[in-house]
Amino acid sequence: MGPMSAEAKTCETQSGKFRGMCMSSTNCASVCKSEPGFDGGHCQ
């Protein structure tokens, strides 16, 4: 049996750290990456 890896997920819920309107998915993804368990995010 090989090593187990946790699958990262995309941040689609309100971020605990993101403030203001989401005008840039790149900015949102950067903030989401700083939160545990997420590898990106996007504006909705």
PDB file of N, CA and C in Angstrom:
ATOM      1  N   MET A   1       0.844  -1.181   0.000  1.00  0.00           N
ATOM      2  CA  MET A   1       0.000   0.000   0.000  1.00  0.00           C
ATOM      3  C   MET A   1       0.888   1.242   0.000  1.00  0.00           C
ATOM      4  N   GLY A   2       0.624   2.184  -0.897  1.00  0.00           N
ATOM      5  CA  GLY A   2       1.429   3.395  -1.045  1.00  0.00           C
ATOM      6  C   GLY A   2       1.062   4.444  -0.014  1.00  0.00           C
ATOM      7  N   PRO A   3       1.792   5.545  -0.033  1.00  0.00           N
ATOM      8  CA  PRO A   3       1.503   6.627   0.911  1.00  0.00           C
ATOM      9  C   PRO A   3       0.146   7.257   0.633  1.00  0.00           C
ATOM     10  N   MET A   4      -0.530   7.641   1.686  1.00  0.00           N
ATOM     11  CA  MET A   4      -1.839   8.282   1.534  1.00  0.00           C
ATOM     12  C   MET A   4      -1.641   9.777   1.359  1.00  0.00           C
ATOM     13  N   SER A   5      -2.456  10.381   0.520  1.00  0.00           N
ATOM     14  CA  SER A   5      -2.373  11.827   0.332  1.00  0.00           C
ATOM     15  C   SER A   5      -3.752  12.434   0.514  1.00  0.00           C
ATOM     16  N   ALA A   6      -3.783  13.611   1.061  1.00  0.00           N
ATOM     17  CA  ALA A   6      -5.044  14.330   1.227  1.00  0.00           C
ATOM     18  C   ALA A   6      -5.342  15.068  -0.065  1.00  0.00           C
ATOM     19  N   GLU A   7      -6.562  14.950  -0.522  1.00  0.00           N
ATOM     20  CA  GLU A   7      -6.945  15.645  -1.751  1.00  0.00           C
ATOM     21  C   GLU A   7      -7.346  17.073  -1.402  1.00  0.00           C
ATOM     22  N   ALA A   8      -6.695  18.036  -2.023  1.00  0.00           N
ATOM     23  CA  ALA A   8      -7.011  19.443  -1.776  1.00  0.00           C
ATOM     24  C   ALA A   8      -8.305  19.792  -2.486  1.00  0.00           C
ATOM     25  N   LYS A   9      -8.998  20.765  -1.982  1.00  0.00           N
ATOM     26  CA  LYS A   9     -10.259  21.165  -2.593  1.00  0.00           C
ATOM     27  C   LYS A   9     -10.261  22.653  -2.907  1.00  0.00           C
ATOM     28  N   THR A  10     -11.125  23.033  -3.828  1.00  0.00           N
ATOM     29  CA  THR A  10     -11.238  24.436  -4.219  1.00  0.00           C
ATOM     30  C   THR A  10     -12.146  25.156  -3.235  1.00  0.00           C
ATOM     31  N   CYS A  11     -11.708  26.332  -2.814  1.00  0.00           N
ATOM     32  CA  CYS A  11     -12.461  27.152  -1.865  1.00  0.00           C
ATOM     33  C   CYS A  11     -13.674  27.752  -2.575  1.00  0.00           C
ATOM     34  N   GLU A  12     -14.875  27.289  -2.238  1.00  0.00           N
ATOM     35  CA  GLU A  12     -16.090  27.819  -2.849  1.00  0.00           C
ATOM     36  C   GLU A  12     -17.010  28.448  -1.810  1.00  0.00           C
ATOM     37  N   THR A  13     -16.594  28.429  -0.556  1.00  0.00           N
ATOM     38  CA  THR A  13     -17.375  29.051   0.496  1.00  0.00           C
ATOM     39  C   THR A  13     -16.717  30.356   0.898  1.00  0.00           C
ATOM     40  N   GLN A  14     -17.396  31.142   1.695  1.00  0.00           N
ATOM     41  CA  GLN A  14     -16.832  32.418   2.116  1.00  0.00           C
ATOM     42  C   GLN A  14     -15.554  32.172   2.904  1.00  0.00           C
ATOM     43  N   SER A  15     -14.528  32.856   2.520  1.00  0.00           N
ATOM     44  CA  SER A  15     -13.222  32.735   3.156  1.00  0.00           C
ATOM     45  C   SER A  15     -13.229  33.417   4.514  1.00  0.00           C
ATOM     46  N   GLY A  16     -12.494  32.845   5.454  1.00  0.00           N
ATOM     47  CA  GLY A  16     -12.342  33.478   6.748  1.00  0.00           C
ATOM     48  C   GLY A  16     -11.364  34.636   6.705  1.00  0.00           C
ATOM     49  N   LYS A  17     -10.549  34.712   5.636  1.00  0.00           N
ATOM     50  CA  LYS A  17      -9.511  35.736   5.533  1.00  0.00           C
ATOM     51  C   LYS A  17      -9.759  36.759   4.433  1.00  0.00           C
ATOM     52  N   PHE A  18     -10.547  36.422   3.408  1.00  0.00           N
ATOM     53  CA  PHE A  18     -10.766  37.327   2.278  1.00  0.00           C
ATOM     54  C   PHE A  18     -11.705  38.446   2.692  1.00  0.00           C
ATOM     55  N   ARG A  19     -11.338  39.666   2.383  1.00  0.00           N
ATOM     56  CA  ARG A  19     -12.162  40.831   2.709  1.00  0.00           C
ATOM     57  C   ARG A  19     -12.413  41.641   1.442  1.00  0.00           C
ATOM     58  N   GLY A  20     -13.614  42.195   1.326  1.00  0.00           N
ATOM     59  CA  GLY A  20     -13.942  43.031   0.185  1.00  0.00           C
ATOM     60  C   GLY A  20     -14.590  42.234  -0.931  1.00  0.00           C
ATOM     61  N   MET A  21     -14.875  42.925  -2.043  1.00  0.00           N
ATOM     62  CA  MET A  21     -15.483  42.278  -3.199  1.00  0.00           C
ATOM     63  C   MET A  21     -14.448  41.450  -3.937  1.00  0.00           C
ATOM     64  N   CYS A  22     -14.876  40.315  -4.451  1.00  0.00           N
ATOM     65  CA  CYS A  22     -13.979  39.444  -5.212  1.00  0.00           C
ATOM     66  C   CYS A  22     -13.996  39.890  -6.671  1.00  0.00           C
ATOM     67  N   MET A  23     -12.993  40.655  -7.047  1.00  0.00           N
ATOM     68  CA  MET A  23     -12.894  41.157  -8.414  1.00  0.00           C
ATOM     69  C   MET A  23     -11.841  40.394  -9.212  1.00  0.00           C
ATOM     70  N   SER A  24     -11.004  39.630  -8.527  1.00  0.00           N
ATOM     71  CA  SER A  24      -9.921  38.908  -9.180  1.00  0.00           C
ATOM     72  C   SER A  24      -9.854  37.487  -8.637  1.00  0.00           C
ATOM     73  N   SER A  25     -10.136  36.497  -9.500  1.00  0.00           N
ATOM     74  CA  SER A  25     -10.055  35.108  -9.061  1.00  0.00           C
ATOM     75  C   SER A  25      -8.641  34.743  -8.627  1.00  0.00           C
ATOM     76  N   THR A  26      -7.632  35.392  -9.211  1.00  0.00           N
ATOM     77  CA  THR A  26      -6.243  35.128  -8.820  1.00  0.00           C
ATOM     78  C   THR A  26      -6.031  35.540  -7.368  1.00  0.00           C
ATOM     79  N   ASN A  27      -6.552  36.695  -6.985  1.00  0.00           N
ATOM     80  CA  ASN A  27      -6.434  37.169  -5.606  1.00  0.00           C
ATOM     81  C   ASN A  27      -7.184  36.239  -4.660  1.00  0.00           C
ATOM     82  N   CYS A  28      -8.376  35.843  -5.034  1.00  0.00           N
ATOM     83  CA  CYS A  28      -9.172  34.937  -4.213  1.00  0.00           C
ATOM     84  C   CYS A  28      -8.439  33.613  -4.036  1.00  0.00           C
ATOM     85  N   ALA A  29      -7.873  33.080  -5.109  1.00  0.00           N
ATOM     86  CA  ALA A  29      -7.142  31.813  -5.036  1.00  0.00           C
ATOM     87  C   ALA A  29      -5.956  31.923  -4.089  1.00  0.00           C
ATOM     88  N   SER A  30      -5.257  33.055  -4.122  1.00  0.00           N
ATOM     89  CA  SER A  30      -4.106  33.256  -3.237  1.00  0.00           C
ATOM     90  C   SER A  30      -4.534  33.234  -1.773  1.00  0.00           C
ATOM     91  N   VAL A  31      -5.649  33.892  -1.468  1.00  0.00           N
ATOM     92  CA  VAL A  31      -6.145  33.919  -0.092  1.00  0.00           C
ATOM     93  C   VAL A  31      -6.597  32.525   0.321  1.00  0.00           C
ATOM     94  N   CYS A  32      -7.321  31.836  -0.548  1.00  0.00           N
ATOM     95  CA  CYS A  32      -7.805  30.494  -0.218  1.00  0.00           C
ATOM     96  C   CYS A  32      -6.651  29.524   0.026  1.00  0.00           C
ATOM     97  N   LYS A  33      -5.574  29.666  -0.728  1.00  0.00           N
ATOM     98  CA  LYS A  33      -4.413  28.784  -0.547  1.00  0.00           C
ATOM     99  C   LYS A  33      -3.799  28.938   0.837  1.00  0.00           C
ATOM    100  N   SER A  34      -3.999  30.096   1.473  1.00  0.00           N
ATOM    101  CA  SER A  34      -3.432  30.310   2.803  1.00  0.00           C
ATOM    102  C   SER A  34      -4.301  29.678   3.895  1.00  0.00           C
ATOM    103  N   GLU A  35      -5.468  29.164   3.516  1.00  0.00           N
ATOM    104  CA  GLU A  35      -6.352  28.527   4.479  1.00  0.00           C
ATOM    105  C   GLU A  35      -6.164  27.012   4.415  1.00  0.00           C
ATOM    106  N   PRO A  36      -6.248  26.331   5.551  1.00  0.00           N
ATOM    107  CA  PRO A  36      -5.983  24.891   5.603  1.00  0.00           C
ATOM    108  C   PRO A  36      -6.884  24.074   4.683  1.00  0.00           C
ATOM    109  N   GLY A  37      -6.283  23.184   3.894  1.00  0.00           N
ATOM    110  CA  GLY A  37      -7.027  22.231   3.087  1.00  0.00           C
ATOM    111  C   GLY A  37      -7.438  22.682   1.704  1.00  0.00           C
ATOM    112  N   PHE A  38      -7.119  23.919   1.309  1.00  0.00           N
ATOM    113  CA  PHE A  38      -7.529  24.417   0.002  1.00  0.00           C
ATOM    114  C   PHE A  38      -6.328  24.649  -0.901  1.00  0.00           C
ATOM    115  N   ASP A  39      -6.506  24.370  -2.186  1.00  0.00           N
ATOM    116  CA  ASP A  39      -5.413  24.598  -3.142  1.00  0.00           C
ATOM    117  C   ASP A  39      -5.743  25.708  -4.127  1.00  0.00           C
ATOM    118  N   GLY A  40      -6.865  26.399  -3.955  1.00  0.00           N
ATOM    119  CA  GLY A  40      -7.226  27.503  -4.832  1.00  0.00           C
ATOM    120  C   GLY A  40      -8.650  27.947  -4.588  1.00  0.00           C
ATOM    121  N   GLY A  41      -9.077  28.930  -5.362  1.00  0.00           N
ATOM    122  CA  GLY A  41     -10.426  29.461  -5.260  1.00  0.00           C
ATOM    123  C   GLY A  41     -10.719  30.342  -6.456  1.00  0.00           C
ATOM    124  N   HIS A  42     -11.945  30.824  -6.558  1.00  0.00           N
ATOM    125  CA  HIS A  42     -12.318  31.690  -7.675  1.00  0.00           C
ATOM    126  C   HIS A  42     -13.504  32.551  -7.285  1.00  0.00           C
ATOM    127  N   CYS A  43     -13.691  33.650  -7.997  1.00  0.00           N
ATOM    128  CA  CYS A  43     -14.836  34.532  -7.760  1.00  0.00           C
ATOM    129  C   CYS A  43     -16.110  33.862  -8.257  1.00  0.00           C
ATOM    130  N   GLN A  44     -17.214  34.167  -7.581  1.00  0.00           N
ATOM    131  CA  GLN A  44     -18.513  33.668  -8.033  1.00  0.00           C
ATOM    132  C   GLN A  44     -19.450  34.833  -8.229  1.00  0.00           C
TER     133      GLN A  44
END
